[in-house]
Amino acid sequence: MGATTLHTRQDVAARILAGEYLIVYRDLLLRIPPSWLDAHPGGSLALLHFVGRDATDEIEAYHSDDTLRMVKRFSTGRVELLDDLWEPLLPPIMSGWVRKLNADGKQEWYREASAACSAENTPQNPSSQILLVDKDFQSLVQQQSHAPTLATISPPPTDLSLKVQARHSKAYRELHKRITEAGLYQTPYLTGYGPEIVRYVLFGSIAAYAYSHNWLITSAIALGLMWHQLVFTAHDLGHMGVTHNWTIDRMLAIFIADFIGGLSIGWWVDNHNVHHLVTNHPSHDPDIEHLPFFAISPAFLTSLWSSYYKRIMPFDKFAKIAISIQHRLFYLVMMFARFNLYALSYSFLFKKAFDTKRARGGRWAFRAELCGLCFFWYWYGSVLYGCGSWQKAVVYLLISHVVPSPLHVQIVLSHFSMSTADLGPTESFPHRQLRTTTDVICSDSAAFLHGGLHLQVTHHLFPRLPRHNLRKASELVKSFANEQGLEYAEFGFVHGNKEVLGVLKSVADQVKIIAKVANVEAREAVEKKIAEQERKGR
């Protein structure tokens, strides 16, 4: 089939149900081979979340012009549009369906979770919302099918207008064009990264000098500050926002993240790409899936399924206790967040140990990460060993890891207080990013402390944009939002913290209410049982 083949929505739906991975790009229908699904540098989930949908804005936001020319090779023809609009289908993964190899080595449908649709239509629980729960949950009340149906991939009703969302997308593409023509994709190496490198060398030198003089606390603080600053550049490199060359940026990222920081850049990119594409979705965005420690939506109190982690996030006894006081534990947990990054990094690499022949890095990147992590623990382990005693080593370890903790607070400020509702596949890329993301207001002189992460709205709309150009681009984005009638959210750092704590307390209060209701019901059940026994004894 060539570019002249015209595919109707019914044709596309039938082929998706037959097991094909089809994505709409402009008016082209892209067929993603299973081999490329596994090899895609952005990860398979980045594709699976857009099966049956128009992913034009996402594709162009994440890929350079050279890559976009390659994208068209996957075209199998054009799609039939209604009033120049594509009516989206619901990706199977969003209702809990995936393809897996069976015992015969053939792909077949597998239901990894059940879809729980909203029974109401409120801002917090819109009619379009689908959350994933344990696949055995609904089997008690309904017969489980062996494959998705047309009804499965038909989106639930939504209050959003497809025409309005298309208008947002069209305006966003014009905005993207203006930003490109303004030269904002050109990295300011000297004025941007020059001062960054000076800070890295300064903190690293202080850490080494202080350590050589046995000023261990000073050394640990300086090392923590260096890690804090280096993460920002690792973030830029992971987005191909520095040299814009995948190989070069990945090599530099491995050096910074793995060799110096002890974290896997491969894990971070895989995780972060999904976060950017399904921002703040309770069942799909790993960046807000923090049970048993945090829950930013009451939805997490129902033991949701995570399509990223491929497991249930249990709201168990420990989670109930932790979530009920999460607003009090917030900063304490954030102080030790870096240790969680180690766990996530190493578990990711372990799972990928036998699956490394991929365009996302292949053998060389995977091996480079392993070498980097071994090197990190060699040099950092030597530093701890040289502290002189295990007590001093523990103090050095804790201080160097706690000092970068404001970074983790900074990260969650951008999303924790924003909407977690699922508005369905009709929602456009710019509408979704502006709805789920906020900026943190700060002066230019303090911007280096935030490392560009305070301008998350613009970053989410243009993830490859060099960090040091985000300020200029944000002015254009604000004008775009105003013209389109969209809210551009931004808070001061202190106010942003209050907003996050308010959200955490709100969910914590609901946990307490649930516990009280459960206690009352349990007491009533016991009293009823006693009354029945007394009647029998008479």
Protein backbone atom coordinates (compact mmCIF):
# COMPACT_ATOMS: atom_id res chain seq x y z
CA MET A 1 0.00 0.00 0.00
CA GLY A 2 1.30 3.43 -0.90
CA ALA A 3 0.63 7.06 -0.11
CA THR A 4 -2.52 7.02 -2.28
CA THR A 5 -4.27 4.38 -0.16
CA LEU A 6 -7.07 5.93 1.88
CA HIS A 7 -7.94 4.37 5.25
CA THR A 8 -11.25 4.99 6.98
CA ARG A 9 -11.59 5.12 10.75
CA GLN A 10 -13.35 1.75 10.63
CA ASP A 11 -10.44 0.26 8.66
CA VAL A 12 -7.93 1.58 11.19
CA ALA A 13 -9.98 0.24 14.12
CA ALA A 14 -10.25 -3.21 12.53
CA ARG A 15 -6.50 -3.38 11.90
CA ILE A 16 -5.70 -2.30 15.47
CA LEU A 17 -7.98 -5.02 16.81
CA ALA A 18 -6.15 -7.45 14.51
CA GLY A 19 -2.92 -6.55 16.31
CA GLU A 20 -1.35 -3.77 14.22
CA TYR A 21 0.22 -0.68 15.76
CA LEU A 22 -1.18 2.27 13.81
CA ILE A 23 -0.58 5.96 14.54
CA VAL A 24 -1.80 9.03 12.64
CA TYR A 25 0.82 11.64 11.71
CA ARG A 26 -0.69 14.65 9.96
CA ASP A 27 -2.88 12.82 7.44
CA LEU A 28 -0.58 9.80 7.11
CA LEU A 29 -1.22 6.42 8.70
CA LEU A 30 1.98 5.06 10.23
CA ARG A 31 2.31 1.32 10.74
CA ILE A 32 4.84 0.53 13.46
CA PRO A 33 6.40 -2.94 13.07
CA PRO A 34 6.74 -4.92 16.32
CA SER A 35 10.52 -4.90 15.81
CA TRP A 36 10.60 -1.09 15.82
CA LEU A 37 8.22 -0.95 18.75
CA ASP A 38 10.98 -2.62 20.77
CA ALA A 39 13.75 -0.60 19.13
CA HIS A 40 12.20 2.87 19.38
CA PRO A 41 14.70 5.16 21.18
CA GLY A 42 11.88 6.73 23.16
CA GLY A 43 10.63 3.37 24.40
CA SER A 44 7.65 1.25 23.38
CA LEU A 45 5.16 2.94 25.70
CA ALA A 46 5.70 6.26 23.92
CA LEU A 47 4.21 4.59 20.83
CA LEU A 48 1.58 2.40 22.49
CA HIS A 49 -0.09 5.40 24.13
CA PHE A 50 -0.84 6.86 20.68
CA VAL A 51 -2.15 3.86 18.77
CA GLY A 52 -5.26 5.02 16.93
CA ARG A 53 -4.59 8.67 17.76
CA ASP A 54 -3.25 11.70 15.92
CA ALA A 55 0.24 12.10 17.42
CA THR A 56 1.41 14.89 15.10
CA ASP A 57 2.20 17.40 17.85
CA GLU A 58 3.99 14.86 20.04
CA ILE A 59 6.02 13.47 17.14
CA GLU A 60 7.17 16.90 15.97
CA ALA A 61 7.93 18.08 19.51
CA TYR A 62 10.23 15.12 20.15
CA HIS A 63 11.99 14.66 16.82
CA SER A 64 14.37 16.70 14.70
CA ASP A 65 13.69 17.45 11.03
CA ASP A 66 16.07 14.67 9.96
CA THR A 67 14.19 12.14 12.07
CA LEU A 68 10.81 13.39 10.86
CA ARG A 69 11.84 12.59 7.30
CA MET A 70 12.51 9.03 8.44
CA VAL A 71 9.13 8.81 10.20
CA LYS A 72 7.31 8.99 6.88
CA ARG A 73 8.89 5.69 5.84
CA PHE A 74 6.38 3.96 8.10
CA SER A 75 3.45 5.40 6.13
CA THR A 76 0.95 2.91 4.66
CA GLY A 77 -1.26 5.56 3.10
CA ARG A 78 -3.52 8.36 4.22
CA VAL A 79 -6.45 8.48 6.60
CA GLU A 80 -9.91 9.70 5.78
CA LEU A 81 -10.59 12.88 7.72
CA LEU A 82 -13.94 14.35 8.66
CA ASP A 83 -13.84 18.15 8.28
CA ASP A 84 -10.03 17.84 8.24
CA LEU A 85 -10.15 16.17 11.67
CA TRP A 86 -9.21 12.69 12.83
CA GLU A 87 -11.60 11.28 15.41
CA PRO A 88 -9.30 9.43 17.83
CA LEU A 89 -9.59 5.85 18.95
CA LEU A 90 -8.64 4.75 22.45
CA PRO A 91 -5.22 3.04 22.54
CA PRO A 92 -5.67 -0.56 23.78
CA ILE A 93 -3.04 -0.07 26.49
CA MET A 94 -5.21 2.63 28.07
CA SER A 95 -7.91 0.04 28.73
CA GLY A 96 -5.46 -2.61 29.93
CA TRP A 97 -4.78 -4.52 26.68
CA VAL A 98 -1.30 -5.34 25.35
CA ARG A 99 0.24 -7.77 22.87
CA LYS A 100 2.48 -10.59 24.15
CA LEU A 101 4.20 -13.63 22.71
CA ASN A 102 2.40 -16.89 23.43
CA ALA A 103 3.95 -20.35 23.87
CA ASP A 104 4.15 -20.74 20.09
CA GLY A 105 6.13 -17.52 19.68
CA LYS A 106 3.20 -15.66 18.15
CA GLN A 107 1.78 -12.39 19.40
CA GLU A 108 -1.66 -12.44 20.97
CA TRP A 109 -3.79 -10.12 23.05
CA TYR A 110 -3.27 -10.17 26.79
CA ARG A 111 -5.32 -8.30 29.38
CA GLU A 112 -2.90 -6.97 31.99
CA ALA A 113 -5.50 -4.87 33.82
CA SER A 114 -9.19 -3.99 33.88
CA ALA A 115 -10.56 -0.60 32.90
CA ALA A 116 -12.58 1.26 35.51
CA CYS A 117 -14.62 4.00 33.83
CA SER A 118 -15.90 7.04 35.67
CA ALA A 119 -19.54 6.79 36.74
CA GLU A 120 -19.85 10.56 37.06
CA ASN A 121 -18.83 13.69 35.20
CA THR A 122 -17.02 16.12 37.49
CA PRO A 123 -13.75 18.06 37.07
CA GLN A 124 -11.99 15.50 39.28
CA ASN A 125 -13.70 12.46 37.71
CA PRO A 126 -14.78 13.33 34.16
CA SER A 127 -16.84 10.91 32.08
CA SER A 128 -13.80 10.45 29.83
CA GLN A 129 -11.65 9.05 32.64
CA ILE A 130 -10.39 5.48 32.53
CA LEU A 131 -8.28 4.12 35.39
CA LEU A 132 -6.67 0.70 35.40
CA VAL A 133 -7.25 -1.73 38.25
CA ASP A 134 -6.45 -5.37 39.00
CA LYS A 135 -7.69 -7.52 36.09
CA ASP A 136 -9.31 -9.90 38.60
CA PHE A 137 -11.31 -7.05 40.14
CA GLN A 138 -14.03 -6.91 37.50
CA SER A 139 -13.93 -10.61 36.68
CA LEU A 140 -16.11 -11.13 39.76
CA VAL A 141 -18.94 -9.25 38.12
CA GLN A 142 -18.36 -9.66 34.39
CA GLN A 143 -17.03 -12.18 31.92
CA GLN A 144 -13.50 -11.40 30.78
CA SER A 145 -13.06 -11.33 27.00
CA HIS A 146 -9.96 -12.70 25.29
CA ALA A 147 -9.33 -9.66 23.08
CA PRO A 148 -10.35 -6.02 22.85
CA THR A 149 -13.43 -5.14 20.82
CA LEU A 150 -14.54 -2.07 18.91
CA ALA A 151 -16.26 -0.89 22.08
CA THR A 152 -12.96 -1.26 23.95
CA ILE A 153 -11.12 1.17 21.66
CA SER A 154 -14.02 3.61 21.38
CA PRO A 155 -13.33 6.55 23.71
CA PRO A 156 -15.86 7.31 26.45
CA PRO A 157 -17.88 10.55 26.13
CA THR A 158 -16.03 13.80 26.73
CA ASP A 159 -16.96 17.44 27.21
CA LEU A 160 -14.06 18.50 24.99
CA SER A 161 -14.73 19.71 21.46
CA LEU A 162 -12.61 18.02 18.80
CA LYS A 163 -12.72 21.20 16.71
CA VAL A 164 -11.51 23.36 19.60
CA GLN A 165 -8.69 20.92 20.37
CA ALA A 166 -7.72 20.94 16.69
CA ARG A 167 -7.60 24.73 16.82
CA HIS A 168 -5.22 24.54 19.80
CA SER A 169 -3.02 22.11 17.87
CA LYS A 170 -2.93 24.31 14.78
CA ALA A 171 -1.95 27.34 16.87
CA TYR A 172 0.67 25.25 18.68
CA ARG A 173 2.29 24.27 15.38
CA GLU A 174 2.45 27.92 14.38
CA LEU A 175 4.05 28.67 17.74
CA HIS A 176 6.58 25.88 17.20
CA LYS A 177 7.44 27.37 13.82
CA ARG A 178 7.98 30.82 15.36
CA ILE A 179 10.24 29.41 18.06
CA THR A 180 12.29 27.54 15.48
CA GLU A 181 12.61 30.59 13.21
CA ALA A 182 13.67 32.69 16.21
CA GLY A 183 16.72 30.42 16.54
CA LEU A 184 15.76 29.19 20.00
CA TYR A 185 16.80 25.62 19.15
CA GLN A 186 20.40 26.82 18.83
CA THR A 187 22.28 25.93 22.00
CA PRO A 188 24.16 28.85 23.65
CA TYR A 189 27.25 26.81 24.50
CA LEU A 190 29.46 29.66 25.73
CA THR A 191 26.95 31.86 27.55
CA GLY A 192 24.75 28.97 28.64
CA TYR A 193 26.96 26.04 29.53
CA GLY A 194 30.14 28.05 30.17
CA PRO A 195 28.98 29.20 33.62
CA GLU A 196 27.55 25.73 34.27
CA ILE A 197 30.94 24.09 33.76
CA VAL A 198 32.58 26.67 36.01
CA ARG A 199 30.13 25.77 38.79
CA TYR A 200 30.75 22.03 38.34
CA VAL A 201 34.52 22.47 38.50
CA LEU A 202 34.22 24.82 41.48
CA PHE A 203 32.08 22.48 43.57
CA GLY A 204 34.11 19.44 42.54
CA SER A 205 37.37 21.17 43.44
CA ILE A 206 36.03 22.30 46.81
CA ALA A 207 34.85 18.76 47.55
CA ALA A 208 38.25 17.28 46.67
CA TYR A 209 40.27 19.97 48.48
CA ALA A 210 38.16 19.79 51.63
CA TYR A 211 38.34 15.99 51.63
CA SER A 212 42.13 16.08 51.34
CA HIS A 213 42.20 18.27 54.46
CA ASN A 214 39.75 15.97 56.27
CA TRP A 215 37.01 18.63 56.24
CA LEU A 216 34.48 15.93 55.57
CA ILE A 217 31.26 17.87 56.10
CA THR A 218 32.41 20.68 53.80
CA SER A 219 33.44 18.10 51.21
CA ALA A 220 30.10 16.28 51.42
CA ILE A 221 28.16 19.53 51.02
CA ALA A 222 30.20 20.54 47.97
CA LEU A 223 29.78 17.10 46.40
CA GLY A 224 26.02 17.29 46.96
CA LEU A 225 25.91 20.72 45.35
CA MET A 226 27.83 19.42 42.34
CA TRP A 227 25.38 16.52 41.94
CA HIS A 228 22.51 18.97 42.28
CA GLN A 229 23.83 21.07 39.39
CA LEU A 230 24.94 18.18 37.19
CA VAL A 231 21.45 16.66 37.16
CA PHE A 232 20.18 19.66 35.20
CA THR A 233 22.62 19.06 32.37
CA ALA A 234 21.94 15.31 32.42
CA HIS A 235 18.27 16.25 32.01
CA ASP A 236 19.13 18.44 29.01
CA LEU A 237 21.20 15.68 27.42
CA GLY A 238 18.48 13.09 27.97
CA HIS A 239 16.16 15.30 25.92
CA MET A 240 18.80 15.78 23.19
CA GLY A 241 18.70 19.45 24.09
CA VAL A 242 22.45 20.17 24.00
CA THR A 243 24.18 18.98 20.80
CA HIS A 244 20.89 17.59 19.36
CA ASN A 245 22.82 14.49 18.28
CA TRP A 246 21.52 11.35 19.99
CA THR A 247 24.86 9.55 20.22
CA ILE A 248 26.87 12.52 21.47
CA ASP A 249 24.24 13.62 23.96
CA ARG A 250 23.83 10.07 25.25
CA MET A 251 27.60 9.61 25.72
CA LEU A 252 27.82 12.87 27.68
CA ALA A 253 24.73 11.93 29.68
CA ILE A 254 26.21 8.55 30.63
CA PHE A 255 29.40 10.26 31.79
CA ILE A 256 27.49 12.71 33.99
CA ALA A 257 24.66 10.52 35.26
CA ASP A 258 26.35 7.12 35.55
CA PHE A 259 30.06 7.79 36.04
CA ILE A 260 29.71 10.85 38.28
CA GLY A 261 26.21 10.46 39.73
CA GLY A 262 25.71 6.70 40.00
CA LEU A 263 22.31 6.85 38.27
CA SER A 264 21.13 5.25 35.03
CA ILE A 265 20.42 7.75 32.27
CA GLY A 266 18.78 4.92 30.32
CA TRP A 267 16.22 4.46 33.09
CA TRP A 268 15.66 8.18 33.40
CA VAL A 269 15.01 8.69 29.67
CA ASP A 270 12.65 5.72 29.51
CA ASN A 271 10.74 6.94 32.55
CA HIS A 272 10.78 10.61 31.63
CA ASN A 273 9.53 10.18 28.06
CA VAL A 274 6.40 8.45 29.35
CA HIS A 275 5.92 11.19 31.96
CA HIS A 276 6.00 13.86 29.26
CA LEU A 277 3.46 12.09 27.06
CA VAL A 278 0.83 11.06 29.64
CA THR A 279 1.52 13.73 32.23
CA ASN A 280 -0.27 13.29 35.56
CA HIS A 281 -2.33 10.27 34.54
CA PRO A 282 -2.63 8.12 37.69
CA SER A 283 -2.42 4.80 35.81
CA HIS A 284 0.26 5.74 33.28
CA ASP A 285 2.61 8.51 34.51
CA PRO A 286 5.40 6.99 36.64
CA ASP A 287 6.38 10.43 37.95
CA ILE A 288 3.27 10.63 40.13
CA GLU A 289 3.14 6.94 41.10
CA HIS A 290 4.78 7.08 44.52
CA LEU A 291 2.80 4.70 46.71
CA PRO A 292 3.20 3.80 49.52
CA PHE A 293 4.66 7.22 50.41
CA PHE A 294 2.65 9.75 48.39
CA ALA A 295 -0.74 9.94 46.68
CA ILE A 296 -1.74 13.18 44.96
CA SER A 297 -5.18 11.94 43.93
CA PRO A 298 -7.90 9.91 45.67
CA ALA A 299 -7.66 7.58 42.66
CA PHE A 300 -4.54 6.05 44.21
CA LEU A 301 -6.59 4.87 47.18
CA THR A 302 -8.11 2.15 44.97
CA SER A 303 -4.90 0.14 44.32
CA LEU A 304 -4.41 1.15 40.68
CA TRP A 305 -2.48 -0.77 38.05
CA SER A 306 0.61 0.99 36.63
CA SER A 307 1.10 0.45 32.91
CA TYR A 308 4.72 1.60 33.33
CA TYR A 309 5.76 -0.56 36.27
CA LYS A 310 3.47 -3.43 35.19
CA ARG A 311 2.16 -4.03 38.69
CA ILE A 312 -0.56 -3.08 41.11
CA MET A 313 0.24 -0.13 43.37
CA PRO A 314 -1.27 -1.56 46.57
CA PHE A 315 -3.00 0.75 48.97
CA ASP A 316 -2.13 -1.53 51.89
CA LYS A 317 -1.87 -0.99 55.64
CA PHE A 318 1.53 0.69 55.43
CA ALA A 319 0.33 2.96 52.62
CA LYS A 320 -2.76 3.93 54.63
CA ILE A 321 -0.58 5.03 57.53
CA ALA A 322 1.96 6.85 55.35
CA ILE A 323 -0.61 8.60 53.16
CA SER A 324 -2.62 9.75 56.19
CA ILE A 325 0.40 11.83 57.27
CA GLN A 326 2.03 12.40 53.87
CA HIS A 327 1.85 16.20 54.17
CA ARG A 328 3.95 15.91 57.33
CA LEU A 329 6.40 13.41 55.84
CA PHE A 330 6.87 15.25 52.52
CA TYR A 331 10.18 17.01 53.15
CA LEU A 332 11.58 14.12 55.18
CA VAL A 333 10.95 11.69 52.33
CA MET A 334 12.33 14.17 49.78
CA MET A 335 15.57 14.34 51.75
CA PHE A 336 16.26 10.70 50.91
CA ALA A 337 14.74 10.63 47.42
CA ARG A 338 18.10 10.02 45.74
CA PHE A 339 18.28 6.56 47.29
CA ASN A 340 15.02 5.71 45.53
CA LEU A 341 16.60 6.77 42.23
CA TYR A 342 19.34 4.20 42.77
CA ALA A 343 16.74 1.48 43.25
CA LEU A 344 14.78 2.51 40.16
CA SER A 345 17.95 2.81 38.06
CA TYR A 346 19.39 -0.56 38.96
CA SER A 347 16.12 -2.46 38.74
CA PHE A 348 15.59 -0.99 35.26
CA LEU A 349 19.06 -2.04 34.08
CA PHE A 350 18.58 -5.51 35.54
CA LYS A 351 15.38 -5.96 33.56
CA LYS A 352 17.10 -4.75 30.39
CA ALA A 353 20.18 -6.91 30.89
CA PHE A 354 19.05 -9.45 28.30
CA ASP A 355 17.33 -6.97 26.01
CA THR A 356 19.97 -4.55 24.79
CA LYS A 357 20.09 -4.94 21.00
CA ARG A 358 18.14 -1.77 20.47
CA ALA A 359 18.41 1.54 18.66
CA ARG A 360 17.83 3.22 22.00
CA GLY A 361 21.46 2.49 22.78
CA GLY A 362 22.21 -1.11 21.99
CA ARG A 363 25.12 -2.94 23.51
CA TRP A 364 27.52 0.00 23.73
CA ALA A 365 25.20 2.25 25.75
CA PHE A 366 24.15 -0.54 28.10
CA ARG A 367 27.75 -1.60 28.67
CA ALA A 368 28.84 2.01 29.10
CA GLU A 369 26.22 2.43 31.81
CA LEU A 370 27.41 -0.68 33.63
CA CYS A 371 31.01 0.53 33.44
CA GLY A 372 29.90 3.95 34.64
CA LEU A 373 28.08 2.58 37.66
CA CYS A 374 31.00 0.32 38.59
CA PHE A 375 33.32 3.31 38.31
CA PHE A 376 30.99 5.44 40.42
CA TRP A 377 30.84 2.94 43.26
CA TYR A 378 34.60 2.47 43.06
CA TRP A 379 35.40 6.16 43.46
CA TYR A 380 32.53 7.00 45.82
CA GLY A 381 33.12 3.84 47.83
CA SER A 382 36.78 4.83 48.14
CA VAL A 383 35.71 8.26 49.38
CA LEU A 384 33.51 6.69 52.06
CA TYR A 385 36.20 4.19 53.02
CA GLY A 386 38.71 7.01 53.38
CA CYS A 387 36.54 8.86 55.91
CA GLY A 388 38.29 6.95 58.67
CA SER A 389 35.38 5.29 60.45
CA TRP A 390 31.99 3.90 59.57
CA GLN A 391 30.28 6.64 61.59
CA LYS A 392 32.01 9.37 59.56
CA ALA A 393 31.27 7.49 56.35
CA VAL A 394 27.55 7.37 57.19
CA VAL A 395 27.54 11.10 57.94
CA TYR A 396 29.32 11.83 54.64
CA LEU A 397 26.90 9.57 52.78
CA LEU A 398 23.82 11.22 54.28
CA ILE A 399 24.99 14.81 53.87
CA SER A 400 26.09 14.35 50.26
CA HIS A 401 22.73 12.76 49.43
CA VAL A 402 20.52 15.16 51.41
CA VAL A 403 22.08 18.35 50.00
CA PRO A 404 20.63 17.78 46.47
CA SER A 405 17.14 17.13 47.92
CA PRO A 406 15.75 20.58 46.95
CA LEU A 407 16.00 19.27 43.39
CA HIS A 408 13.37 16.64 44.12
CA VAL A 409 11.08 19.21 45.71
CA GLN A 410 11.55 21.38 42.62
CA ILE A 411 10.54 18.52 40.34
CA VAL A 412 7.26 17.73 42.08
CA LEU A 413 6.22 21.39 42.37
CA SER A 414 5.59 21.42 38.63
CA HIS A 415 2.91 18.72 38.69
CA PHE A 416 1.73 17.60 42.15
CA SER A 417 -0.75 20.47 42.53
CA MET A 418 -2.10 20.24 38.97
CA SER A 419 -4.95 18.24 37.45
CA THR A 420 -4.74 14.44 37.43
CA ALA A 421 -7.98 13.95 35.50
CA ASP A 422 -8.03 11.88 32.30
CA LEU A 423 -9.73 13.91 29.56
CA GLY A 424 -9.33 11.15 27.00
CA PRO A 425 -7.63 10.95 23.58
CA THR A 426 -9.59 13.94 22.27
CA GLU A 427 -7.45 16.30 24.35
CA SER A 428 -4.71 18.02 22.34
CA PHE A 429 -1.04 17.99 23.27
CA PRO A 430 -0.84 21.71 24.22
CA HIS A 431 -4.09 21.58 26.21
CA ARG A 432 -2.87 18.56 28.19
CA GLN A 433 0.54 20.07 28.99
CA LEU A 434 -0.87 23.41 30.12
CA ARG A 435 -3.52 21.68 32.24
CA THR A 436 -1.10 19.41 34.08
CA THR A 437 2.00 21.58 34.44
CA THR A 438 2.96 24.79 36.23
CA ASP A 439 5.97 27.08 36.30
CA VAL A 440 7.83 28.24 39.40
CA ILE A 441 8.46 31.98 39.31
CA CYS A 442 12.04 33.05 40.02
CA SER A 443 14.43 35.81 39.00
CA ASP A 444 17.08 35.35 36.32
CA SER A 445 19.79 35.63 38.98
CA ALA A 446 18.40 32.58 40.82
CA ALA A 447 17.58 30.55 37.72
CA PHE A 448 20.73 28.43 38.04
CA LEU A 449 19.39 27.04 41.33
CA HIS A 450 16.37 25.67 39.48
CA GLY A 451 18.30 24.56 36.39
CA GLY A 452 15.52 25.40 33.96
CA LEU A 453 13.08 23.12 35.77
CA HIS A 454 11.14 26.17 36.93
CA LEU A 455 10.00 26.74 33.33
CA GLN A 456 8.27 23.38 33.02
CA VAL A 457 5.30 24.56 30.94
CA THR A 458 7.49 25.63 28.03
CA HIS A 459 9.76 22.64 28.54
CA HIS A 460 6.82 20.23 28.34
CA LEU A 461 5.60 21.87 25.14
CA PHE A 462 9.08 21.90 23.58
CA PRO A 463 11.16 19.21 25.34
CA ARG A 464 14.16 19.47 22.98
CA LEU A 465 14.50 23.22 23.44
CA PRO A 466 17.85 24.19 25.03
CA ARG A 467 17.33 25.02 28.68
CA HIS A 468 18.93 28.46 28.48
CA ASN A 469 16.42 29.56 25.83
CA LEU A 470 13.31 28.58 27.78
CA ARG A 471 12.87 32.05 29.29
CA LYS A 472 12.57 33.70 25.86
CA ALA A 473 10.32 30.94 24.57
CA SER A 474 8.07 31.16 27.63
CA GLU A 475 7.02 34.69 26.66
CA LEU A 476 5.78 33.36 23.32
CA VAL A 477 4.03 30.47 25.08
CA LYS A 478 2.22 32.87 27.43
CA SER A 479 0.92 34.83 24.44
CA PHE A 480 -0.18 31.57 22.81
CA ALA A 481 -2.03 30.47 25.96
CA ASN A 482 -3.77 33.83 26.26
CA GLU A 483 -4.86 33.78 22.61
CA GLN A 484 -6.22 30.24 22.95
CA GLY A 485 -8.00 30.88 26.24
CA LEU A 486 -5.77 28.41 28.10
CA GLU A 487 -4.39 28.89 31.60
CA TYR A 488 -0.64 29.33 31.95
CA ALA A 489 -0.12 28.37 35.59
CA GLU A 490 2.82 29.73 37.59
CA PHE A 491 3.52 30.02 41.32
CA GLY A 492 6.25 31.44 43.47
CA PHE A 493 8.45 28.80 45.12
CA VAL A 494 6.89 29.26 48.57
CA HIS A 495 3.33 29.39 47.22
CA GLY A 496 4.03 26.32 45.10
CA ASN A 497 5.14 24.40 48.19
CA LYS A 498 1.93 25.41 49.97
CA GLU A 499 -0.13 24.19 47.01
CA VAL A 500 1.59 20.80 47.02
CA LEU A 501 1.22 20.40 50.77
CA GLY A 502 -2.45 21.35 50.42
CA VAL A 503 -3.01 18.60 47.85
CA LEU A 504 -1.21 16.04 50.01
CA LYS A 505 -3.24 17.04 53.09
CA SER A 506 -6.49 16.84 51.12
CA VAL A 507 -5.81 13.24 50.12
CA ALA A 508 -4.57 12.43 53.64
CA ASP A 509 -7.85 13.73 55.07
CA GLN A 510 -9.79 11.44 52.74
CA VAL A 511 -7.79 8.45 53.98
CA LYS A 512 -8.76 9.35 57.55
CA ILE A 513 -12.42 9.63 56.53
CA ILE A 514 -12.27 6.21 54.86
CA ALA A 515 -10.73 4.75 58.03
CA LYS A 516 -13.47 6.27 60.20
CA VAL A 517 -16.20 4.92 57.93
CA ALA A 518 -14.56 1.49 57.98
CA ASN A 519 -14.39 1.56 61.79
CA VAL A 520 -18.05 2.53 62.07
CA GLU A 521 -19.08 -0.21 59.64
CA ALA A 522 -16.95 -2.76 61.50
CA ARG A 523 -18.44 -1.72 64.84
CA GLU A 524 -21.98 -1.93 63.45
CA ALA A 525 -21.24 -5.39 62.04
CA VAL A 526 -19.93 -6.58 65.42
CA GLU A 527 -22.91 -5.12 67.27
CA LYS A 528 -25.28 -6.76 64.79
CA LYS A 529 -23.54 -10.11 65.28
CA ILE A 530 -23.75 -9.83 69.08
CA ALA A 531 -27.43 -8.93 68.88
CA GLU A 532 -28.12 -11.98 66.70
CA GLN A 533 -26.30 -14.26 69.16
CA GLU A 534 -28.25 -12.79 72.08
CA ARG A 535 -31.55 -13.45 70.28
CA LYS A 536 -30.54 -17.05 69.63
CA GLY A 537 -29.59 -17.53 73.29
CA ARG A 538 -33.01 -16.47 74.58
